[in-house]
Amino acid sequence: MRYKRSIAVPAYFVLSLVWIFWIADRQVFFGEPLGDLLVVISIVGLHVVTGLAVGSWWALFLPYTVVLVAYPLGYPSGLRGEPPEIWRALLAWSPVLVAFLALGVALSRLGPWQGGLGVR
């Protein structure tokens, strides 16, 4: 795929914004273990696939740009429990998200496909 990087980065931002403004801000799956599990699996998958598609180490900065976008939100509008501000939670989880991006980048560089997602 010739344009995988130019598709992967905007798709990452769109899906991250959907997650921030819909799921995290409104706390859609609060108290639902299955919903929480699906969110975690989709977030991990998003970061690994983005790392695979981009295949470059600069992709490790992507979660920190999402933190900047979430800064104006403040606290979630649902306010169930005692959640931190959205941007602080994203900043706290950013090292984990960077690790999953790094896993994807490493797989794209070290795997037998060497170039991301198996297509050159």
PDB file of N, CA and C in Angstrom:
ATOM      1  N   MET A   1       0.850  -1.171   0.000  1.00  0.00           N
ATOM      2  CA  MET A   1       0.000   0.000   0.000  1.00  0.00           C
ATOM      3  C   MET A   1       0.895   1.233   0.000  1.00  0.00           C
ATOM      4  N   ARG A   2       0.714   2.038  -0.958  1.00  0.00           N
ATOM      5  CA  ARG A   2       1.603   3.161  -1.178  1.00  0.00           C
ATOM      6  C   ARG A   2       1.412   4.296  -0.171  1.00  0.00           C
ATOM      7  N   TYR A   3       0.208   4.526   0.263  1.00  0.00           N
ATOM      8  CA  TYR A   3      -0.089   5.671   1.118  1.00  0.00           C
ATOM      9  C   TYR A   3      -0.448   5.272   2.544  1.00  0.00           C
ATOM     10  N   LYS A   4       0.083   4.169   3.017  1.00  0.00           N
ATOM     11  CA  LYS A   4      -0.323   3.666   4.329  1.00  0.00           C
ATOM     12  C   LYS A   4       0.000   4.640   5.458  1.00  0.00           C
ATOM     13  N   ARG A   5       1.122   5.331   5.378  1.00  0.00           N
ATOM     14  CA  ARG A   5       1.487   6.283   6.427  1.00  0.00           C
ATOM     15  C   ARG A   5       0.556   7.497   6.413  1.00  0.00           C
ATOM     16  N   SER A   6       0.222   7.975   5.230  1.00  0.00           N
ATOM     17  CA  SER A   6      -0.653   9.148   5.136  1.00  0.00           C
ATOM     18  C   SER A   6      -2.096   8.805   5.491  1.00  0.00           C
ATOM     19  N   ILE A   7      -2.446   7.545   5.502  1.00  0.00           N
ATOM     20  CA  ILE A   7      -3.765   7.122   5.944  1.00  0.00           C
ATOM     21  C   ILE A   7      -3.752   6.784   7.430  1.00  0.00           C
ATOM     22  N   ALA A   8      -2.669   6.167   7.910  1.00  0.00           N
ATOM     23  CA  ALA A   8      -2.600   5.686   9.289  1.00  0.00           C
ATOM     24  C   ALA A   8      -2.611   6.822  10.303  1.00  0.00           C
ATOM     25  N   VAL A   9      -1.881   7.890  10.049  1.00  0.00           N
ATOM     26  CA  VAL A   9      -1.789   8.980  11.032  1.00  0.00           C
ATOM     27  C   VAL A   9      -3.120   9.713  11.174  1.00  0.00           C
ATOM     28  N   PRO A  10      -3.782  10.136  10.086  1.00  0.00           N
ATOM     29  CA  PRO A  10      -5.104  10.761  10.274  1.00  0.00           C
ATOM     30  C   PRO A  10      -6.130   9.802  10.891  1.00  0.00           C
ATOM     31  N   ALA A  11      -6.079   8.531  10.517  1.00  0.00           N
ATOM     32  CA  ALA A  11      -7.002   7.556  11.116  1.00  0.00           C
ATOM     33  C   ALA A  11      -6.752   7.422  12.610  1.00  0.00           C
ATOM     34  N   TYR A  12      -5.474   7.460  13.006  1.00  0.00           N
ATOM     35  CA  TYR A  12      -5.132   7.414  14.428  1.00  0.00           C
ATOM     36  C   TYR A  12      -5.746   8.603  15.169  1.00  0.00           C
ATOM     37  N   PHE A  13      -5.607   9.794  14.581  1.00  0.00           N
ATOM     38  CA  PHE A  13      -6.155  10.984  15.232  1.00  0.00           C
ATOM     39  C   PHE A  13      -7.679  10.950  15.291  1.00  0.00           C
ATOM     40  N   VAL A  14      -8.310  10.529  14.234  1.00  0.00           N
ATOM     41  CA  VAL A  14      -9.778  10.474  14.223  1.00  0.00           C
ATOM     42  C   VAL A  14     -10.278   9.484  15.271  1.00  0.00           C
ATOM     43  N   LEU A  15      -9.702   8.285  15.305  1.00  0.00           N
ATOM     44  CA  LEU A  15     -10.136   7.291  16.281  1.00  0.00           C
ATOM     45  C   LEU A  15      -9.807   7.725  17.710  1.00  0.00           C
ATOM     46  N   SER A  16      -8.679   8.397  17.897  1.00  0.00           N
ATOM     47  CA  SER A  16      -8.336   8.909  19.230  1.00  0.00           C
ATOM     48  C   SER A  16      -9.317   9.987  19.670  1.00  0.00           C
ATOM     49  N   LEU A  17      -9.702  10.855  18.757  1.00  0.00           N
ATOM     50  CA  LEU A  17     -10.667  11.903  19.098  1.00  0.00           C
ATOM     51  C   LEU A  17     -12.039  11.323  19.404  1.00  0.00           C
ATOM     52  N   VAL A  18     -12.438  10.296  18.662  1.00  0.00           N
ATOM     53  CA  VAL A  18     -13.697   9.616  18.973  1.00  0.00           C
ATOM     54  C   VAL A  18     -13.630   9.029  20.371  1.00  0.00           C
ATOM     55  N   TRP A  19     -12.509   8.414  20.691  1.00  0.00           N
ATOM     56  CA  TRP A  19     -12.348   7.819  22.012  1.00  0.00           C
ATOM     57  C   TRP A  19     -12.377   8.896  23.097  1.00  0.00           C
ATOM     58  N   ILE A  20     -11.692   9.997  22.888  1.00  0.00           N
ATOM     59  CA  ILE A  20     -11.624  11.052  23.903  1.00  0.00           C
ATOM     60  C   ILE A  20     -12.982  11.731  24.088  1.00  0.00           C
ATOM     61  N   PHE A  21     -13.577  12.177  22.990  1.00  0.00           N
ATOM     62  CA  PHE A  21     -14.788  12.991  23.098  1.00  0.00           C
ATOM     63  C   PHE A  21     -16.058  12.186  23.322  1.00  0.00           C
ATOM     64  N   TRP A  22     -16.051  10.904  22.972  1.00  0.00           N
ATOM     65  CA  TRP A  22     -17.264  10.125  23.155  1.00  0.00           C
ATOM     66  C   TRP A  22     -17.141   9.177  24.341  1.00  0.00           C
ATOM     67  N   ILE A  23     -16.129   8.339  24.360  1.00  0.00           N
ATOM     68  CA  ILE A  23     -16.031   7.308  25.384  1.00  0.00           C
ATOM     69  C   ILE A  23     -15.463   7.855  26.686  1.00  0.00           C
ATOM     70  N   ALA A  24     -14.347   8.583  26.623  1.00  0.00           N
ATOM     71  CA  ALA A  24     -13.728   9.058  27.856  1.00  0.00           C
ATOM     72  C   ALA A  24     -14.495  10.228  28.461  1.00  0.00           C
ATOM     73  N   ASP A  25     -14.932  11.167  27.645  1.00  0.00           N
ATOM     74  CA  ASP A  25     -15.618  12.341  28.182  1.00  0.00           C
ATOM     75  C   ASP A  25     -16.977  11.982  28.771  1.00  0.00           C
ATOM     76  N   ARG A  26     -17.713  11.150  28.109  1.00  0.00           N
ATOM     77  CA  ARG A  26     -19.053  10.789  28.595  1.00  0.00           C
ATOM     78  C   ARG A  26     -19.055   9.554  29.473  1.00  0.00           C
ATOM     79  N   GLN A  27     -17.910   8.899  29.606  1.00  0.00           N
ATOM     80  CA  GLN A  27     -17.772   7.675  30.407  1.00  0.00           C
ATOM     81  C   GLN A  27     -18.851   6.662  30.030  1.00  0.00           C
ATOM     82  N   VAL A  28     -18.897   6.346  28.765  1.00  0.00           N
ATOM     83  CA  VAL A  28     -19.948   5.505  28.196  1.00  0.00           C
ATOM     84  C   VAL A  28     -19.996   4.123  28.847  1.00  0.00           C
ATOM     85  N   PHE A  29     -18.851   3.519  29.065  1.00  0.00           N
ATOM     86  CA  PHE A  29     -18.825   2.153  29.577  1.00  0.00           C
ATOM     87  C   PHE A  29     -18.507   2.087  31.066  1.00  0.00           C
ATOM     88  N   PHE A  30     -18.834   3.114  31.815  1.00  0.00           N
ATOM     89  CA  PHE A  30     -18.544   3.139  33.252  1.00  0.00           C
ATOM     90  C   PHE A  30     -19.278   1.995  33.955  1.00  0.00           C
ATOM     91  N   GLY A  31     -18.515   1.170  34.656  1.00  0.00           N
ATOM     92  CA  GLY A  31     -19.096   0.062  35.411  1.00  0.00           C
ATOM     93  C   GLY A  31     -19.489  -1.140  34.588  1.00  0.00           C
ATOM     94  N   GLU A  32     -19.133  -1.191  33.317  1.00  0.00           N
ATOM     95  CA  GLU A  32     -19.446  -2.329  32.466  1.00  0.00           C
ATOM     96  C   GLU A  32     -18.145  -3.036  32.085  1.00  0.00           C
ATOM     97  N   PRO A  33     -17.832  -4.161  32.736  1.00  0.00           N
ATOM     98  CA  PRO A  33     -16.554  -4.838  32.483  1.00  0.00           C
ATOM     99  C   PRO A  33     -16.339  -5.232  31.021  1.00  0.00           C
ATOM    100  N   LEU A  34     -17.384  -5.717  30.356  1.00  0.00           N
ATOM    101  CA  LEU A  34     -17.218  -6.122  28.958  1.00  0.00           C
ATOM    102  C   LEU A  34     -16.928  -4.912  28.076  1.00  0.00           C
ATOM    103  N   GLY A  35     -17.614  -3.816  28.312  1.00  0.00           N
ATOM    104  CA  GLY A  35     -17.355  -2.584  27.559  1.00  0.00           C
ATOM    105  C   GLY A  35     -15.956  -2.066  27.797  1.00  0.00           C
ATOM    106  N   ASP A  36     -15.507  -2.119  29.056  1.00  0.00           N
ATOM    107  CA  ASP A  36     -14.143  -1.686  29.367  1.00  0.00           C
ATOM    108  C   ASP A  36     -13.111  -2.553  28.664  1.00  0.00           C
ATOM    109  N   LEU A  37     -13.359  -3.856  28.641  1.00  0.00           N
ATOM    110  CA  LEU A  37     -12.440  -4.774  27.965  1.00  0.00           C
ATOM    111  C   LEU A  37     -12.375  -4.482  26.467  1.00  0.00           C
ATOM    112  N   LEU A  38     -13.522  -4.213  25.854  1.00  0.00           N
ATOM    113  CA  LEU A  38     -13.535  -3.888  24.425  1.00  0.00           C
ATOM    114  C   LEU A  38     -12.791  -2.586  24.137  1.00  0.00           C
ATOM    115  N   VAL A  39     -12.923  -1.609  25.018  1.00  0.00           N
ATOM    116  CA  VAL A  39     -12.208  -0.343  24.846  1.00  0.00           C
ATOM    117  C   VAL A  39     -10.705  -0.579  24.943  1.00  0.00           C
ATOM    118  N   VAL A  40     -10.269  -1.354  25.937  1.00  0.00           N
ATOM    119  CA  VAL A  40      -8.837  -1.621  26.103  1.00  0.00           C
ATOM    120  C   VAL A  40      -8.287  -2.369  24.896  1.00  0.00           C
ATOM    121  N   ILE A  41      -8.999  -3.374  24.428  1.00  0.00           N
ATOM    122  CA  ILE A  41      -8.538  -4.137  23.259  1.00  0.00           C
ATOM    123  C   ILE A  41      -8.466  -3.242  22.030  1.00  0.00           C
ATOM    124  N   SER A  42      -9.461  -2.380  21.847  1.00  0.00           N
ATOM    125  CA  SER A  42      -9.434  -1.510  20.669  1.00  0.00           C
ATOM    126  C   SER A  42      -8.322  -0.470  20.763  1.00  0.00           C
ATOM    127  N   ILE A  43      -8.046   0.043  21.947  1.00  0.00           N
ATOM    128  CA  ILE A  43      -6.967   1.026  22.104  1.00  0.00           C
ATOM    129  C   ILE A  43      -5.609   0.376  21.864  1.00  0.00           C
ATOM    130  N   VAL A  44      -5.410  -0.809  22.418  1.00  0.00           N
ATOM    131  CA  VAL A  44      -4.144  -1.516  22.194  1.00  0.00           C
ATOM    132  C   VAL A  44      -3.997  -1.846  20.714  1.00  0.00           C
ATOM    133  N   GLY A  45      -5.057  -2.338  20.095  1.00  0.00           N
ATOM    134  CA  GLY A  45      -5.008  -2.665  18.671  1.00  0.00           C
ATOM    135  C   GLY A  45      -4.731  -1.445  17.808  1.00  0.00           C
ATOM    136  N   LEU A  46      -5.366  -0.322  18.142  1.00  0.00           N
ATOM    137  CA  LEU A  46      -5.131   0.911  17.391  1.00  0.00           C
ATOM    138  C   LEU A  46      -3.661   1.297  17.422  1.00  0.00           C
ATOM    139  N   HIS A  47      -3.035   1.201  18.571  1.00  0.00           N
ATOM    140  CA  HIS A  47      -1.638   1.629  18.684  1.00  0.00           C
ATOM    141  C   HIS A  47      -0.676   0.659  18.010  1.00  0.00           C
ATOM    142  N   VAL A  48      -0.929  -0.629  18.134  1.00  0.00           N
ATOM    143  CA  VAL A  48      -0.045  -1.602  17.471  1.00  0.00           C
ATOM    144  C   VAL A  48      -0.183  -1.494  15.948  1.00  0.00           C
ATOM    145  N   VAL A  49      -1.409  -1.398  15.453  1.00  0.00           N
ATOM    146  CA  VAL A  49      -1.618  -1.300  14.004  1.00  0.00           C
ATOM    147  C   VAL A  49      -1.060   0.012  13.456  1.00  0.00           C
ATOM    148  N   THR A  50      -1.203   1.112  14.212  1.00  0.00           N
ATOM    149  CA  THR A  50      -0.628   2.383  13.767  1.00  0.00           C
ATOM    150  C   THR A  50       0.891   2.279  13.703  1.00  0.00           C
ATOM    151  N   GLY A  51       1.498   1.654  14.701  1.00  0.00           N
ATOM    152  CA  GLY A  51       2.948   1.456  14.662  1.00  0.00           C
ATOM    153  C   GLY A  51       3.376   0.596  13.487  1.00  0.00           C
ATOM    154  N   LEU A  52       2.603  -0.435  13.200  1.00  0.00           N
ATOM    155  CA  LEU A  52       2.902  -1.280  12.036  1.00  0.00           C
ATOM    156  C   LEU A  52       2.788  -0.491  10.743  1.00  0.00           C
ATOM    157  N   ALA A  53       1.750   0.302  10.628  1.00  0.00           N
ATOM    158  CA  ALA A  53       1.511   1.030   9.385  1.00  0.00           C
ATOM    159  C   ALA A  53       2.528   2.138   9.164  1.00  0.00           C
ATOM    160  N   VAL A  54       2.861   2.871  10.229  1.00  0.00           N
ATOM    161  CA  VAL A  54       3.807   3.981  10.076  1.00  0.00           C
ATOM    162  C   VAL A  54       5.213   3.438   9.912  1.00  0.00           C
ATOM    163  N   GLY A  55       5.599   2.497  10.751  1.00  0.00           N
ATOM    164  CA  GLY A  55       6.908   1.855  10.621  1.00  0.00           C
ATOM    165  C   GLY A  55       8.094   2.758  10.871  1.00  0.00           C
ATOM    166  N   SER A  56       7.887   3.865  11.557  1.00  0.00           N
ATOM    167  CA  SER A  56       8.972   4.797  11.842  1.00  0.00           C
ATOM    168  C   SER A  56       8.883   5.211  13.310  1.00  0.00           C
ATOM    169  N   TRP A  57      10.044   5.483  13.885  1.00  0.00           N
ATOM    170  CA  TRP A  57      10.089   5.767  15.319  1.00  0.00           C
ATOM    171  C   TRP A  57       9.484   7.112  15.693  1.00  0.00           C
ATOM    172  N   TRP A  58       9.279   8.021  14.758  1.00  0.00           N
ATOM    173  CA  TRP A  58       8.658   9.293  15.106  1.00  0.00           C
ATOM    174  C   TRP A  58       7.207   9.099  15.530  1.00  0.00           C
ATOM    175  N   ALA A  59       6.622   7.968  15.208  1.00  0.00           N
ATOM    176  CA  ALA A  59       5.233   7.685  15.591  1.00  0.00           C
ATOM    177  C   ALA A  59       5.059   7.603  17.104  1.00  0.00           C
ATOM    178  N   LEU A  60       6.153   7.444  17.831  1.00  0.00           N
ATOM    179  CA  LEU A  60       6.058   7.341  19.291  1.00  0.00           C
ATOM    180  C   LEU A  60       5.627   8.653  19.944  1.00  0.00           C
ATOM    181  N   PHE A  61       5.626   9.742  19.195  1.00  0.00           N
ATOM    182  CA  PHE A  61       5.183  11.033  19.732  1.00  0.00           C
ATOM    183  C   PHE A  61       3.676  11.255  19.557  1.00  0.00           C
ATOM    184  N   LEU A  62       2.998  10.401  18.827  1.00  0.00           N
ATOM    185  CA  LEU A  62       1.578  10.596  18.549  1.00  0.00           C
ATOM    186  C   LEU A  62       0.699  10.676  19.803  1.00  0.00           C
ATOM    187  N   PRO A  63       0.884   9.819  20.817  1.00  0.00           N
ATOM    188  CA  PRO A  63       0.015   9.939  22.001  1.00  0.00           C
ATOM    189  C   PRO A  63       0.150  11.284  22.715  1.00  0.00           C
ATOM    190  N   TYR A  64       1.313  11.889  22.656  1.00  0.00           N
ATOM    191  CA  TYR A  64       1.499  13.173  23.342  1.00  0.00           C
ATOM    192  C   TYR A  64       0.802  14.314  22.595  1.00  0.00           C
ATOM    193  N   THR A  65       0.637  14.180  21.304  1.00  0.00           N
ATOM    194  CA  THR A  65      -0.124  15.197  20.572  1.00  0.00           C
ATOM    195  C   THR A  65      -1.613  15.097  20.906  1.00  0.00           C
ATOM    196  N   VAL A  66      -2.078  13.885  21.179  1.00  0.00           N
ATOM    197  CA  VAL A  66      -3.471  13.705  21.573  1.00  0.00           C
ATOM    198  C   VAL A  66      -3.714  14.316  22.958  1.00  0.00           C
ATOM    199  N   VAL A  67      -2.709  14.272  23.837  1.00  0.00           N
ATOM    200  CA  VAL A  67      -2.818  14.908  25.152  1.00  0.00           C
ATOM    201  C   VAL A  67      -3.049  16.405  24.978  1.00  0.00           C
ATOM    202  N   LEU A  68      -2.327  17.014  24.051  1.00  0.00           N
ATOM    203  CA  LEU A  68      -2.503  18.447  23.808  1.00  0.00           C
ATOM    204  C   LEU A  68      -3.901  18.776  23.294  1.00  0.00           C
ATOM    205  N   VAL A  69      -4.452  17.899  22.477  1.00  0.00           N
ATOM    206  CA  VAL A  69      -5.801  18.117  21.956  1.00  0.00           C
ATOM    207  C   VAL A  69      -6.831  17.999  23.084  1.00  0.00           C
ATOM    208  N   ALA A  70      -6.601  17.106  24.033  1.00  0.00           N
ATOM    209  CA  ALA A  70      -7.561  16.873  25.112  1.00  0.00           C
ATOM    210  C   ALA A  70      -7.436  17.873  26.251  1.00  0.00           C
ATOM    211  N   TYR A  71      -6.411  18.704  26.239  1.00  0.00           N
ATOM    212  CA  TYR A  71      -6.184  19.633  27.350  1.00  0.00           C
ATOM    213  C   TYR A  71      -7.385  20.537  27.650  1.00  0.00           C
ATOM    214  N   PRO A  72      -8.060  21.114  26.659  1.00  0.00           N
ATOM    215  CA  PRO A  72      -9.176  22.015  26.983  1.00  0.00           C
ATOM    216  C   PRO A  72     -10.405  21.328  27.592  1.00  0.00           C
ATOM    217  N   LEU A  73     -10.499  20.016  27.519  1.00  0.00           N
ATOM    218  CA  LEU A  73     -11.708  19.337  27.985  1.00  0.00           C
ATOM    219  C   LEU A  73     -11.919  19.423  29.492  1.00  0.00           C
ATOM    220  N   GLY A  74     -10.868  19.316  30.266  1.00  0.00           N
ATOM    221  CA  GLY A  74     -11.034  19.315  31.712  1.00  0.00           C
ATOM    222  C   GLY A  74     -11.540  17.961  32.196  1.00  0.00           C
ATOM    223  N   TYR A  75     -12.485  17.998  33.128  1.00  0.00           N
ATOM    224  CA  TYR A  75     -13.031  16.765  33.690  1.00  0.00           C
ATOM    225  C   TYR A  75     -14.072  16.169  32.749  1.00  0.00           C
ATOM    226  N   PRO A  76     -14.263  14.836  32.813  1.00  0.00           N
ATOM    227  CA  PRO A  76     -15.304  14.228  31.986  1.00  0.00           C
ATOM    228  C   PRO A  76     -16.674  14.800  32.332  1.00  0.00           C
ATOM    229  N   SER A  77     -17.522  14.919  31.344  1.00  0.00           N
ATOM    230  CA  SER A  77     -18.848  15.491  31.582  1.00  0.00           C
ATOM    231  C   SER A  77     -19.754  14.520  32.332  1.00  0.00           C
ATOM    232  N   GLY A  78     -19.429  13.220  32.302  1.00  0.00           N
ATOM    233  CA  GLY A  78     -20.238  12.241  33.018  1.00  0.00           C
ATOM    234  C   GLY A  78     -20.037  12.305  34.521  1.00  0.00           C
ATOM    235  N   LEU A  79     -18.831  12.558  34.968  1.00  0.00           N
ATOM    236  CA  LEU A  79     -18.452  12.632  36.375  1.00  0.00           C
ATOM    237  C   LEU A  79     -19.012  11.488  37.210  1.00  0.00           C
ATOM    238  N   ARG A  80     -18.784  10.289  36.759  1.00  0.00           N
ATOM    239  CA  ARG A  80     -19.124   9.105  37.539  1.00  0.00           C
ATOM    240  C   ARG A  80     -17.874   8.706  38.296  1.00  0.00           C
ATOM    241  N   GLY A  81     -17.969   8.552  39.555  1.00  0.00           N
ATOM    242  CA  GLY A  81     -16.794   8.278  40.363  1.00  0.00           C
ATOM    243  C   GLY A  81     -16.025   9.573  40.573  1.00  0.00           C
ATOM    244  N   GLU A  82     -14.721   9.462  40.719  1.00  0.00           N
ATOM    245  CA  GLU A  82     -13.866  10.640  40.863  1.00  0.00           C
ATOM    246  C   GLU A  82     -12.752  10.580  39.825  1.00  0.00           C
ATOM    247  N   PRO A  83     -13.079  10.858  38.566  1.00  0.00           N
ATOM    248  CA  PRO A  83     -12.075  10.742  37.506  1.00  0.00           C
ATOM    249  C   PRO A  83     -11.121  11.928  37.496  1.00  0.00           C
ATOM    250  N   PRO A  84      -9.900  11.692  37.027  1.00  0.00           N
ATOM    251  CA  PRO A  84      -8.982  12.822  36.824  1.00  0.00           C
ATOM    252  C   PRO A  84      -9.380  13.590  35.566  1.00  0.00           C
ATOM    253  N   GLU A  85      -8.735  14.709  35.366  1.00  0.00           N
ATOM    254  CA  GLU A  85      -8.956  15.427  34.117  1.00  0.00           C
ATOM    255  C   GLU A  85      -8.534  14.523  32.960  1.00  0.00           C
ATOM    256  N   ILE A  86      -9.199  14.654  31.844  1.00  0.00           N
ATOM    257  CA  ILE A  86      -8.948  13.747  30.724  1.00  0.00           C
ATOM    258  C   ILE A  86      -7.514  13.842  30.246  1.00  0.00           C
ATOM    259  N   TRP A  87      -6.980  15.048  30.118  1.00  0.00           N
ATOM    260  CA  TRP A  87      -5.625  15.187  29.613  1.00  0.00           C
ATOM    261  C   TRP A  87      -4.609  14.586  30.589  1.00  0.00           C
ATOM    262  N   ARG A  88      -4.866  14.683  31.898  1.00  0.00           N
ATOM    263  CA  ARG A  88      -3.942  14.075  32.882  1.00  0.00           C
ATOM    264  C   ARG A  88      -3.965  12.560  32.798  1.00  0.00           C
ATOM    265  N   ALA A  89      -5.153  12.003  32.609  1.00  0.00           N
ATOM    266  CA  ALA A  89      -5.245  10.549  32.465  1.00  0.00           C
ATOM    267  C   ALA A  89      -4.522  10.089  31.198  1.00  0.00           C
ATOM    268  N   LEU A  90      -4.701  10.838  30.109  1.00  0.00           N
ATOM    269  CA  LEU A  90      -3.995  10.496  28.867  1.00  0.00           C
ATOM    270  C   LEU A  90      -2.486  10.617  29.033  1.00  0.00           C
ATOM    271  N   LEU A  91      -2.047  11.651  29.734  1.00  0.00           N
ATOM    272  CA  LEU A  91      -0.617  11.830  29.966  1.00  0.00           C
ATOM    273  C   LEU A  91      -0.060  10.695  30.808  1.00  0.00           C
ATOM    274  N   ALA A  92      -0.830  10.260  31.801  1.00  0.00           N
ATOM    275  CA  ALA A  92      -0.387   9.149  32.650  1.00  0.00           C
ATOM    276  C   ALA A  92      -0.307   7.840  31.869  1.00  0.00           C
ATOM    277  N   TRP A  93      -1.229   7.639  30.934  1.00  0.00           N
ATOM    278  CA  TRP A  93      -1.242   6.406  30.146  1.00  0.00           C
ATOM    279  C   TRP A  93      -0.376   6.479  28.894  1.00  0.00           C
ATOM    280  N   SER A  94       0.152   7.638  28.570  1.00  0.00           N
ATOM    281  CA  SER A  94       0.953   7.793  27.355  1.00  0.00           C
ATOM    282  C   SER A  94       2.156   6.851  27.275  1.00  0.00           C
ATOM    283  N   PRO A  95       2.910   6.623  28.365  1.00  0.00           N
ATOM    284  CA  PRO A  95       4.029   5.670  28.237  1.00  0.00           C
ATOM    285  C   PRO A  95       3.588   4.260  27.837  1.00  0.00           C
ATOM    286  N   VAL A  96       2.417   3.844  28.301  1.00  0.00           N
ATOM    287  CA  VAL A  96       1.907   2.528  27.917  1.00  0.00           C
ATOM    288  C   VAL A  96       1.527   2.524  26.435  1.00  0.00           C
ATOM    289  N   LEU A  97       0.879   3.604  26.001  1.00  0.00           N
ATOM    290  CA  LEU A  97       0.488   3.707  24.596  1.00  0.00           C
ATOM    291  C   LEU A  97       1.711   3.789  23.689  1.00  0.00           C
ATOM    292  N   VAL A  98       2.745   4.492  24.148  1.00  0.00           N
ATOM    293  CA  VAL A  98       4.001   4.565  23.394  1.00  0.00           C
ATOM    294  C   VAL A  98       4.629   3.178  23.282  1.00  0.00           C
ATOM    295  N   ALA A  99       4.527   2.392  24.337  1.00  0.00           N
ATOM    296  CA  ALA A  99       5.082   1.029  24.288  1.00  0.00           C
ATOM    297  C   ALA A  99       4.369   0.183  23.231  1.00  0.00           C
ATOM    298  N   PHE A 100       3.057   0.316  23.122  1.00  0.00           N
ATOM    299  CA  PHE A 100       2.330  -0.439  22.094  1.00  0.00           C
ATOM    300  C   PHE A 100       2.640   0.075  20.692  1.00  0.00           C
ATOM    301  N   LEU A 101       2.815   1.380  20.556  1.00  0.00           N
ATOM    302  CA  LEU A 101       3.263   1.912  19.263  1.00  0.00           C
ATOM    303  C   LEU A 101       4.651   1.379  18.920  1.00  0.00           C
ATOM    304  N   ALA A 102       5.541   1.350  19.907  1.00  0.00           N
ATOM    305  CA  ALA A 102       6.900   0.842  19.685  1.00  0.00           C
ATOM    306  C   ALA A 102       6.867  -0.630  19.301  1.00  0.00           C
ATOM    307  N   LEU A 103       5.957  -1.385  19.891  1.00  0.00           N
ATOM    308  CA  LEU A 103       5.809  -2.789  19.508  1.00  0.00           C
ATOM    309  C   LEU A 103       5.430  -2.904  18.035  1.00  0.00           C
ATOM    310  N   GLY A 104       4.492  -2.086  17.598  1.00  0.00           N
ATOM    311  CA  GLY A 104       4.095  -2.105  16.195  1.00  0.00           C
ATOM    312  C   GLY A 104       5.214  -1.690  15.264  1.00  0.00           C
ATOM    313  N   VAL A 105       5.946  -0.632  15.638  1.00  0.00           N
ATOM    314  CA  VAL A 105       7.073  -0.189  14.807  1.00  0.00           C
ATOM    315  C   VAL A 105       8.146  -1.269  14.753  1.00  0.00           C
ATOM    316  N   ALA A 106       8.448  -1.867  15.904  1.00  0.00           N
ATOM    317  CA  ALA A 106       9.470  -2.921  15.934  1.00  0.00           C
ATOM    318  C   ALA A 106       9.043  -4.115  15.095  1.00  0.00           C
ATOM    319  N   LEU A 107       7.779  -4.485  15.176  1.00  0.00           N
ATOM    320  CA  LEU A 107       7.298  -5.600  14.357  1.00  0.00           C
ATOM    321  C   LEU A 107       7.397  -5.274  12.869  1.00  0.00           C
ATOM    322  N   SER A 108       7.134  -4.017  12.513  1.00  0.00           N
ATOM    323  CA  SER A 108       7.212  -3.663  11.094  1.00  0.00           C
ATOM    324  C   SER A 108       8.650  -3.641  10.602  1.00  0.00           C
ATOM    325  N   ARG A 109       9.587  -3.303  11.486  1.00  0.00           N
ATOM    326  CA  ARG A 109      10.987  -3.234  11.074  1.00  0.00           C
ATOM    327  C   ARG A 109      11.708  -4.570  11.171  1.00  0.00           C
ATOM    328  N   LEU A 110      11.296  -5.414  12.124  1.00  0.00           N
ATOM    329  CA  LEU A 110      12.005  -6.665  12.348  1.00  0.00           C
ATOM    330  C   LEU A 110      11.308  -7.888  11.747  1.00  0.00           C
ATOM    331  N   GLY A 111      10.043  -7.728  11.425  1.00  0.00           N
ATOM    332  CA  GLY A 111       9.287  -8.854  10.905  1.00  0.00           C
ATOM    333  C   GLY A 111       9.707  -9.246   9.506  1.00  0.00           C
ATOM    334  N   PRO A 112       9.197 -10.375   9.045  1.00  0.00           N
ATOM    335  CA  PRO A 112       9.559 -10.840   7.710  1.00  0.00           C
ATOM    336  C   PRO A 112       9.022  -9.939   6.603  1.00  0.00           C
ATOM    337  N   TRP A 113       8.050  -9.109   6.909  1.00  0.00           N
ATOM    338  CA  TRP A 113       7.474  -8.220   5.888  1.00  0.00           C
ATOM    339  C   TRP A 113       8.259  -6.950   5.728  1.00  0.00           C
ATOM    340  N   GLN A 114       8.994  -6.479   6.747  1.00  0.00           N
ATOM    341  CA  GLN A 114       9.904  -5.333   6.731  1.00  0.00           C
ATOM    342  C   GLN A 114       9.415  -4.173   5.887  1.00  0.00           C
ATOM    343  N   GLY A 115       8.503  -3.455   6.354  1.00  0.00           N
ATOM    344  CA  GLY A 115       8.018  -2.299   5.629  1.00  0.00           C
ATOM    345  C   GLY A 115       6.610  -1.953   6.055  1.00  0.00           C
ATOM    346  N   GLY A 116       6.071  -2.706   6.951  1.00  0.00           N
ATOM    347  CA  GLY A 116       4.771  -2.383   7.512  1.00  0.00           C
ATOM    348  C   GLY A 116       3.615  -3.036   6.785  1.00  0.00           C
ATOM    349  N   LEU A 117       2.814  -3.740   7.518  1.00  0.00           N
ATOM    350  CA  LEU A 117       1.582  -4.373   7.059  1.00  0.00           C
ATOM    351  C   LEU A 117       1.745  -5.288   5.851  1.00  0.00           C
ATOM    352  N   GLY A 118       2.948  -5.752   5.613  1.00  0.00           N
ATOM    353  CA  GLY A 118       3.172  -6.771   4.625  1.00  0.00           C
ATOM    354  C   GLY A 118       3.100  -6.372   3.169  1.00  0.00           C
ATOM    355  N   VAL A 119       2.917  -5.112   2.860  1.00  0.00           N
ATOM    356  CA  VAL A 119       2.790  -4.690   1.464  1.00  0.00           C
ATOM    357  C   VAL A 119       3.816  -3.617   1.176  1.00  0.00           C
ATOM    358  N   ARG A 120       4.510  -3.749   0.108  1.00  0.00           N
ATOM    359  CA  ARG A 120       5.513  -2.728  -0.288  1.00  0.00           C
ATOM    360  C   ARG A 120       5.135  -2.130  -1.582  1.00  0.00           C
TER     361      ARG A 120
END
